[in-house]
N, C-alpha and C. Protein backbone atom coordinates (compact mmCIF):
# COMPACT_ATOMS: atom_id res chain seq x y z
N MET A 1 -5.36 2.18 -10.85
CA MET A 1 -5.27 1.16 -9.77
C MET A 1 -5.86 -0.17 -10.24
N GLU A 2 -5.52 -1.14 -9.86
CA GLU A 2 -6.08 -2.41 -10.47
C GLU A 2 -7.37 -2.87 -9.39
N ASN A 3 -8.40 -3.32 -10.08
CA ASN A 3 -9.59 -3.57 -9.22
C ASN A 3 -9.71 -5.09 -9.34
N ASN A 4 -9.36 -5.83 -8.18
CA ASN A 4 -9.55 -7.23 -8.16
C ASN A 4 -10.78 -7.70 -7.42
N GLU A 5 -11.04 -8.84 -7.61
CA GLU A 5 -12.35 -9.49 -7.06
C GLU A 5 -12.46 -9.14 -5.44
N GLY A 6 -13.52 -8.45 -5.05
CA GLY A 6 -13.60 -8.18 -3.57
C GLY A 6 -12.83 -6.95 -3.25
N GLY A 7 -12.32 -6.36 -4.22
CA GLY A 7 -11.47 -4.91 -3.93
C GLY A 7 -12.49 -3.69 -4.28
N LYS A 8 -11.84 -2.60 -4.40
CA LYS A 8 -12.47 -1.30 -4.70
C LYS A 8 -13.09 -1.49 -6.11
N THR A 9 -14.32 -1.20 -6.11
CA THR A 9 -15.10 -1.15 -7.53
C THR A 9 -15.55 0.14 -7.87
N GLU A 10 -15.62 1.11 -6.98
CA GLU A 10 -15.98 2.35 -7.25
C GLU A 10 -14.85 3.31 -7.87
N ALA A 11 -15.43 4.34 -8.43
CA ALA A 11 -14.40 5.25 -9.18
C ALA A 11 -13.66 5.79 -8.07
N LEU A 12 -12.45 6.37 -8.39
CA LEU A 12 -11.39 7.16 -7.37
C LEU A 12 -12.14 8.26 -7.04
N SER A 13 -11.86 8.82 -5.78
CA SER A 13 -12.18 10.03 -5.34
C SER A 13 -11.22 11.10 -5.97
N PRO A 14 -11.69 12.44 -5.91
CA PRO A 14 -10.76 13.51 -6.53
C PRO A 14 -9.43 13.39 -5.85
N GLN A 15 -9.37 13.32 -4.54
CA GLN A 15 -8.12 13.19 -3.82
C GLN A 15 -7.27 11.96 -4.38
N GLU A 16 -7.90 10.82 -4.56
CA GLU A 16 -7.20 9.47 -4.91
C GLU A 16 -6.57 9.65 -6.51
N ALA A 17 -7.49 10.33 -7.15
CA ALA A 17 -7.10 10.63 -8.82
C ALA A 17 -5.95 11.62 -8.82
N THR A 18 -6.03 12.58 -8.02
CA THR A 18 -4.77 13.53 -7.83
C THR A 18 -3.56 12.77 -7.52
N ALA A 19 -3.71 11.94 -6.39
CA ALA A 19 -2.59 11.17 -5.86
C ALA A 19 -1.93 10.31 -6.98
N LYS A 20 -2.88 9.51 -7.60
CA LYS A 20 -2.43 8.49 -8.65
C LYS A 20 -1.76 9.20 -9.68
N ALA A 21 -2.20 10.43 -10.42
CA ALA A 21 -1.63 11.08 -11.34
C ALA A 21 -0.17 11.70 -10.82
N ALA A 22 -0.09 12.25 -9.63
CA ALA A 22 1.05 12.71 -9.20
C ALA A 22 2.27 11.50 -9.10
N ILE A 23 1.90 10.39 -8.48
CA ILE A 23 2.78 9.26 -8.59
C ILE A 23 3.11 8.79 -9.78
N LEU A 24 2.27 8.65 -10.78
CA LEU A 24 2.51 8.07 -12.26
C LEU A 24 3.45 9.07 -12.85
N ALA A 25 3.36 10.50 -12.50
CA ALA A 25 4.07 11.57 -13.22
C ALA A 25 5.58 11.24 -12.94
N GLU A 26 5.96 10.44 -11.92
CA GLU A 26 7.43 10.29 -11.50
C GLU A 26 8.03 9.26 -12.03
N CYS A 27 7.46 8.41 -12.86
CA CYS A 27 8.00 7.17 -13.33
C CYS A 27 9.17 7.32 -14.20
N ASP A 28 9.39 8.38 -15.00
CA ASP A 28 10.46 8.63 -15.75
C ASP A 28 11.70 8.83 -14.90
N LYS A 29 11.48 9.61 -13.77
CA LYS A 29 12.54 9.96 -12.85
C LYS A 29 13.03 8.68 -12.12
N PHE A 30 12.08 7.81 -11.78
CA PHE A 30 12.27 6.67 -11.02
C PHE A 30 13.20 5.62 -12.08
N ALA A 31 12.62 5.53 -13.24
CA ALA A 31 13.51 4.64 -14.15
C ALA A 31 14.80 5.09 -14.35
N LYS A 32 15.11 6.55 -14.55
CA LYS A 32 16.53 6.93 -14.66
C LYS A 32 17.15 6.67 -13.42
N ALA A 33 16.69 6.55 -12.16
CA ALA A 33 17.46 6.36 -10.85
C ALA A 33 17.67 4.83 -10.78
N GLY A 34 17.15 4.11 -11.69
CA GLY A 34 17.24 2.37 -11.58
C GLY A 34 16.20 1.93 -10.47
N ILE A 35 15.11 2.58 -10.44
CA ILE A 35 14.13 2.01 -9.55
C ILE A 35 13.04 1.39 -10.32
N THR A 36 12.58 0.20 -9.81
CA THR A 36 11.63 -0.55 -10.53
C THR A 36 10.31 -0.60 -9.90
N PHE A 37 10.33 -0.35 -8.59
CA PHE A 37 9.10 -0.33 -7.71
C PHE A 37 9.26 0.68 -6.62
N VAL A 38 8.01 1.38 -6.45
CA VAL A 38 8.02 2.14 -5.26
C VAL A 38 6.83 1.70 -4.50
N ALA A 39 6.89 1.43 -3.24
CA ALA A 39 5.86 0.62 -2.46
C ALA A 39 5.52 1.52 -1.21
N ALA A 40 4.43 1.58 -0.77
CA ALA A 40 3.89 2.04 0.56
C ALA A 40 3.47 0.79 1.30
N HIS A 41 4.14 0.42 2.29
CA HIS A 41 3.75 -0.75 3.06
C HIS A 41 2.82 -0.35 4.21
N PHE A 42 1.68 -0.56 4.61
CA PHE A 42 0.97 -0.13 5.79
C PHE A 42 0.56 -1.36 6.72
N ASP A 43 0.49 -0.87 7.81
CA ASP A 43 0.19 -1.97 8.93
C ASP A 43 -0.38 -1.41 10.22
N GLY A 44 -1.58 -1.83 10.72
CA GLY A 44 -2.15 -1.09 11.75
C GLY A 44 -3.03 -2.09 12.58
N TYR A 45 -3.22 -1.71 13.67
CA TYR A 45 -4.31 -2.57 14.53
C TYR A 45 -4.66 -1.64 15.83
N GLY A 46 -5.90 -1.93 16.28
CA GLY A 46 -6.04 -1.18 17.59
C GLY A 46 -6.19 0.36 17.52
N ASP A 47 -6.78 0.79 16.32
CA ASP A 47 -6.81 2.16 16.01
C ASP A 47 -5.57 3.01 15.76
N SER A 48 -4.56 2.26 15.49
CA SER A 48 -3.21 3.14 15.14
C SER A 48 -2.41 2.14 14.06
N GLY A 49 -1.68 3.00 13.23
CA GLY A 49 -1.07 2.24 12.03
C GLY A 49 0.12 3.14 11.56
N THR A 50 0.89 2.45 10.71
CA THR A 50 2.08 3.13 10.12
C THR A 50 2.09 2.83 8.76
N THR A 51 2.73 3.83 7.98
CA THR A 51 2.91 3.45 6.44
C THR A 51 4.38 3.92 6.30
N GLU A 52 5.13 3.10 5.43
CA GLU A 52 6.47 3.38 4.95
C GLU A 52 6.54 3.33 3.57
N VAL A 53 7.14 4.36 2.93
CA VAL A 53 7.42 4.34 1.44
C VAL A 53 8.83 4.04 1.16
N ARG A 54 8.95 3.11 0.24
CA ARG A 54 10.45 2.78 -0.01
C ARG A 54 10.51 2.41 -1.56
N CYS A 55 11.68 2.57 -2.02
CA CYS A 55 11.96 2.12 -3.42
C CYS A 55 12.83 0.93 -3.49
N TYR A 56 12.67 0.22 -4.58
CA TYR A 56 13.30 -1.07 -4.87
C TYR A 56 13.69 -1.10 -6.39
N ASN A 57 14.79 -1.82 -6.45
CA ASN A 57 15.35 -2.42 -7.85
C ASN A 57 15.40 -3.78 -7.86
N SER A 58 14.35 -4.40 -8.29
CA SER A 58 14.09 -5.88 -8.13
C SER A 58 13.29 -6.05 -9.49
N GLU A 59 13.25 -7.61 -9.70
CA GLU A 59 12.35 -8.03 -10.75
C GLU A 59 10.75 -8.00 -10.29
N SER A 60 10.66 -8.17 -9.18
CA SER A 60 9.27 -8.13 -8.55
C SER A 60 9.27 -7.42 -7.24
N TYR A 61 8.13 -7.26 -6.72
CA TYR A 61 7.97 -6.65 -5.48
C TYR A 61 7.30 -7.66 -4.58
N ALA A 62 8.06 -7.86 -3.25
CA ALA A 62 7.66 -8.48 -2.24
C ALA A 62 8.17 -7.89 -0.88
N TRP A 63 7.07 -7.41 -0.17
CA TRP A 63 7.54 -6.62 1.12
C TRP A 63 8.61 -7.37 1.94
N GLY A 64 9.59 -6.74 2.29
CA GLY A 64 10.51 -7.46 3.26
C GLY A 64 11.47 -8.34 2.65
N GLU A 65 11.34 -8.71 1.42
CA GLU A 65 12.19 -9.68 0.74
C GLU A 65 13.30 -9.01 -0.17
N ASP A 66 13.23 -7.82 -0.52
CA ASP A 66 14.19 -7.23 -1.38
C ASP A 66 14.86 -6.08 -0.47
N GLU A 67 16.25 -5.71 -1.04
CA GLU A 67 16.79 -4.67 -0.55
C GLU A 67 16.21 -3.30 -1.15
N THR A 68 16.15 -2.28 -0.30
CA THR A 68 15.64 -0.96 -0.80
C THR A 68 16.73 -0.23 -1.39
N VAL A 69 16.37 0.79 -2.34
CA VAL A 69 17.22 1.58 -2.81
C VAL A 69 17.25 2.97 -2.12
N ASN A 70 18.28 3.66 -1.89
CA ASN A 70 18.18 4.84 -1.06
C ASN A 70 17.84 6.11 -2.13
N HIS A 71 16.49 6.48 -1.87
CA HIS A 71 16.03 7.53 -3.06
C HIS A 71 14.99 8.17 -2.14
N ASP A 72 15.01 9.52 -1.99
CA ASP A 72 14.19 10.37 -1.41
C ASP A 72 12.77 10.29 -2.02
N VAL A 73 11.96 9.69 -1.52
CA VAL A 73 10.43 9.95 -2.06
C VAL A 73 9.44 10.58 -0.96
N SER A 74 9.97 11.27 0.15
CA SER A 74 9.35 11.94 0.86
C SER A 74 8.12 12.83 0.33
N TYR A 75 8.49 13.55 -0.64
CA TYR A 75 7.53 14.53 -1.35
C TYR A 75 6.32 13.59 -1.87
N LEU A 76 6.28 12.40 -2.00
CA LEU A 76 5.23 11.47 -2.49
C LEU A 76 4.47 10.87 -1.31
N GLU A 77 4.88 10.95 -0.35
CA GLU A 77 4.22 10.13 1.05
C GLU A 77 2.68 10.49 1.15
N ASP A 78 2.39 11.70 0.95
CA ASP A 78 1.00 12.11 1.01
C ASP A 78 0.16 11.47 0.03
N HIS A 79 0.74 11.25 -1.21
CA HIS A 79 0.26 10.84 -2.31
C HIS A 79 -0.22 9.34 -2.09
N PHE A 80 0.86 8.73 -1.70
CA PHE A 80 0.72 7.19 -1.28
C PHE A 80 -0.40 7.00 -0.22
N GLU A 81 -0.34 7.91 0.76
CA GLU A 81 -1.15 7.80 1.95
C GLU A 81 -2.62 7.77 1.58
N ALA A 82 -2.83 8.71 0.41
CA ALA A 82 -4.19 8.87 -0.06
C ALA A 82 -4.91 7.62 -0.75
N LEU A 83 -3.73 6.75 -1.10
CA LEU A 83 -4.44 5.42 -1.75
C LEU A 83 -4.37 4.26 -0.73
N VAL A 84 -4.02 4.49 0.35
CA VAL A 84 -3.94 3.38 1.38
C VAL A 84 -5.39 3.29 1.90
N PRO A 85 -5.89 2.00 1.83
CA PRO A 85 -7.41 1.79 2.13
C PRO A 85 -7.76 2.41 3.47
N PHE A 86 -8.89 3.11 3.51
CA PHE A 86 -9.48 3.55 4.74
C PHE A 86 -9.70 2.66 5.81
N GLY A 87 -9.20 2.88 7.02
CA GLY A 87 -9.86 2.11 8.06
C GLY A 87 -8.82 0.77 8.34
N TYR A 88 -7.75 0.59 7.58
CA TYR A 88 -6.90 -0.54 7.85
C TYR A 88 -6.55 -0.65 9.18
N GLU A 89 -6.44 0.43 10.01
CA GLU A 89 -5.92 0.30 11.28
C GLU A 89 -7.13 0.03 12.45
N ASN A 90 -8.26 -0.25 12.02
CA ASN A 90 -9.44 -0.34 13.00
C ASN A 90 -9.40 -1.77 13.39
N ASP A 91 -9.93 -1.97 14.70
CA ASP A 91 -10.21 -3.13 15.27
C ASP A 91 -8.95 -3.99 15.29
N CYS A 92 -9.03 -5.19 14.70
CA CYS A 92 -7.71 -6.10 14.60
C CYS A 92 -6.84 -5.62 13.64
N GLY A 93 -7.41 -4.76 12.64
CA GLY A 93 -6.31 -4.07 11.87
C GLY A 93 -6.12 -4.95 10.51
N GLY A 94 -5.32 -4.23 9.68
CA GLY A 94 -4.91 -4.82 8.44
C GLY A 94 -3.55 -4.38 8.05
N PHE A 95 -2.95 -5.08 6.90
CA PHE A 95 -1.79 -4.62 6.37
C PHE A 95 -1.84 -4.76 4.84
N GLY A 96 -0.86 -4.35 4.23
CA GLY A 96 -0.87 -4.48 2.77
C GLY A 96 0.13 -3.46 2.20
N ASP A 97 -0.02 -3.30 0.88
CA ASP A 97 0.81 -2.40 0.08
C ASP A 97 0.38 -1.62 -1.00
N VAL A 98 0.62 -0.39 -1.34
CA VAL A 98 0.44 0.29 -2.38
C VAL A 98 1.48 0.22 -3.27
N VAL A 99 1.57 -0.30 -4.41
CA VAL A 99 2.78 -0.65 -5.31
C VAL A 99 2.64 0.10 -6.49
N LEU A 100 3.78 0.71 -6.81
CA LEU A 100 3.88 1.42 -8.12
C LEU A 100 4.90 0.56 -9.01
N ASP A 101 4.57 -0.13 -9.96
CA ASP A 101 5.43 -0.75 -10.90
C ASP A 101 5.78 0.35 -11.90
N VAL A 102 7.04 0.71 -11.78
CA VAL A 102 7.60 1.84 -12.57
C VAL A 102 7.52 1.45 -14.06
N ASN A 103 8.03 0.36 -14.43
CA ASN A 103 8.14 0.07 -15.92
C ASN A 103 6.73 -0.15 -16.60
N ALA A 104 5.86 -0.75 -15.78
CA ALA A 104 4.48 -0.81 -16.42
C ALA A 104 3.58 0.29 -16.16
N ARG A 105 4.16 1.32 -15.26
CA ARG A 105 3.38 2.67 -14.88
C ARG A 105 1.83 2.15 -14.45
N LYS A 106 1.97 1.34 -13.41
CA LYS A 106 0.72 0.82 -12.99
C LYS A 106 0.77 0.74 -11.33
N LEU A 107 -0.21 1.25 -10.84
CA LEU A 107 -0.42 1.25 -9.37
C LEU A 107 -1.39 0.06 -8.98
N THR A 108 -0.99 -0.76 -7.94
CA THR A 108 -1.97 -1.60 -7.37
C THR A 108 -2.07 -1.56 -5.82
N VAL A 109 -3.15 -2.03 -5.34
CA VAL A 109 -3.28 -1.89 -3.83
C VAL A 109 -3.79 -3.36 -3.38
N GLU A 110 -2.96 -3.71 -2.36
CA GLU A 110 -3.44 -5.08 -1.77
C GLU A 110 -3.64 -4.75 -0.24
N ARG A 111 -4.81 -5.16 0.15
CA ARG A 111 -5.16 -5.20 1.53
C ARG A 111 -5.44 -6.43 2.22
N ASN A 112 -4.89 -6.69 3.35
CA ASN A 112 -5.23 -8.03 4.08
C ASN A 112 -5.74 -7.63 5.38
N ASP A 113 -6.86 -8.23 5.63
CA ASP A 113 -7.58 -7.96 7.01
C ASP A 113 -7.10 -8.85 8.29
N ARG A 114 -6.96 -8.64 9.26
CA ARG A 114 -6.88 -9.56 10.39
C ARG A 114 -8.15 -9.64 11.17
N PHE A 115 -8.20 -10.90 11.73
CA PHE A 115 -9.46 -11.10 12.40
C PHE A 115 -9.13 -12.05 13.52
N GLU A 116 -9.98 -11.95 14.63
CA GLU A 116 -9.81 -12.71 15.86
C GLU A 116 -11.04 -13.80 15.82
N ASP A 117 -10.62 -15.05 16.20
CA ASP A 117 -11.52 -16.09 16.11
C ASP A 117 -11.40 -16.62 17.38
N TYR A 118 -12.62 -16.94 18.24
CA TYR A 118 -12.51 -17.50 19.70
C TYR A 118 -13.97 -18.23 19.74
N THR A 119 -13.88 -18.90 20.85
CA THR A 119 -15.07 -19.76 21.25
C THR A 119 -15.36 -19.51 22.68
N THR A 120 -16.56 -19.07 23.02
CA THR A 120 -17.04 -18.85 24.36
C THR A 120 -17.63 -20.04 24.86
N THR A 121 -17.45 -20.71 26.10
CA THR A 121 -18.15 -21.80 26.49
C THR A 121 -18.58 -21.39 28.02
N THR A 122 -19.90 -21.61 28.17
CA THR A 122 -20.45 -21.19 29.61
C THR A 122 -21.03 -22.40 30.21
N TYR A 123 -20.74 -22.82 31.59
CA TYR A 123 -21.11 -23.90 32.19
C TYR A 123 -21.33 -23.81 33.66
N GLU A 124 -21.87 -24.51 34.27
CA GLU A 124 -22.29 -24.44 35.71
C GLU A 124 -21.18 -25.22 36.51
N VAL A 125 -20.76 -24.77 37.48
CA VAL A 125 -19.99 -25.75 38.40
C VAL A 125 -20.60 -26.13 39.57
């Protein structure tokens, strides 16, 4: 997995390392099926969230912009879930993607957090 500034810098846990190895082991099968990206999109808030794993045949990956390829990846869902950042569903929540670039044999994780900004004013009437 790629480590970007502000991202995860510690070593993968044993569960994450197992998940990464299992996902990368499928690259040849995906390439033969014409799949260029497999992505788990996660989105959550208020202590609940969802994750969807889908396959794509495109030059680049952008969630919601490309048509999906009908290919069963349900057997990898738990592995993708293991790589989804912990706590993305808490408070205002967060969203992002765990993306397998099949040709590059590379996993990346992108997480975006939501926040609420408000001002409180107190006055006498």
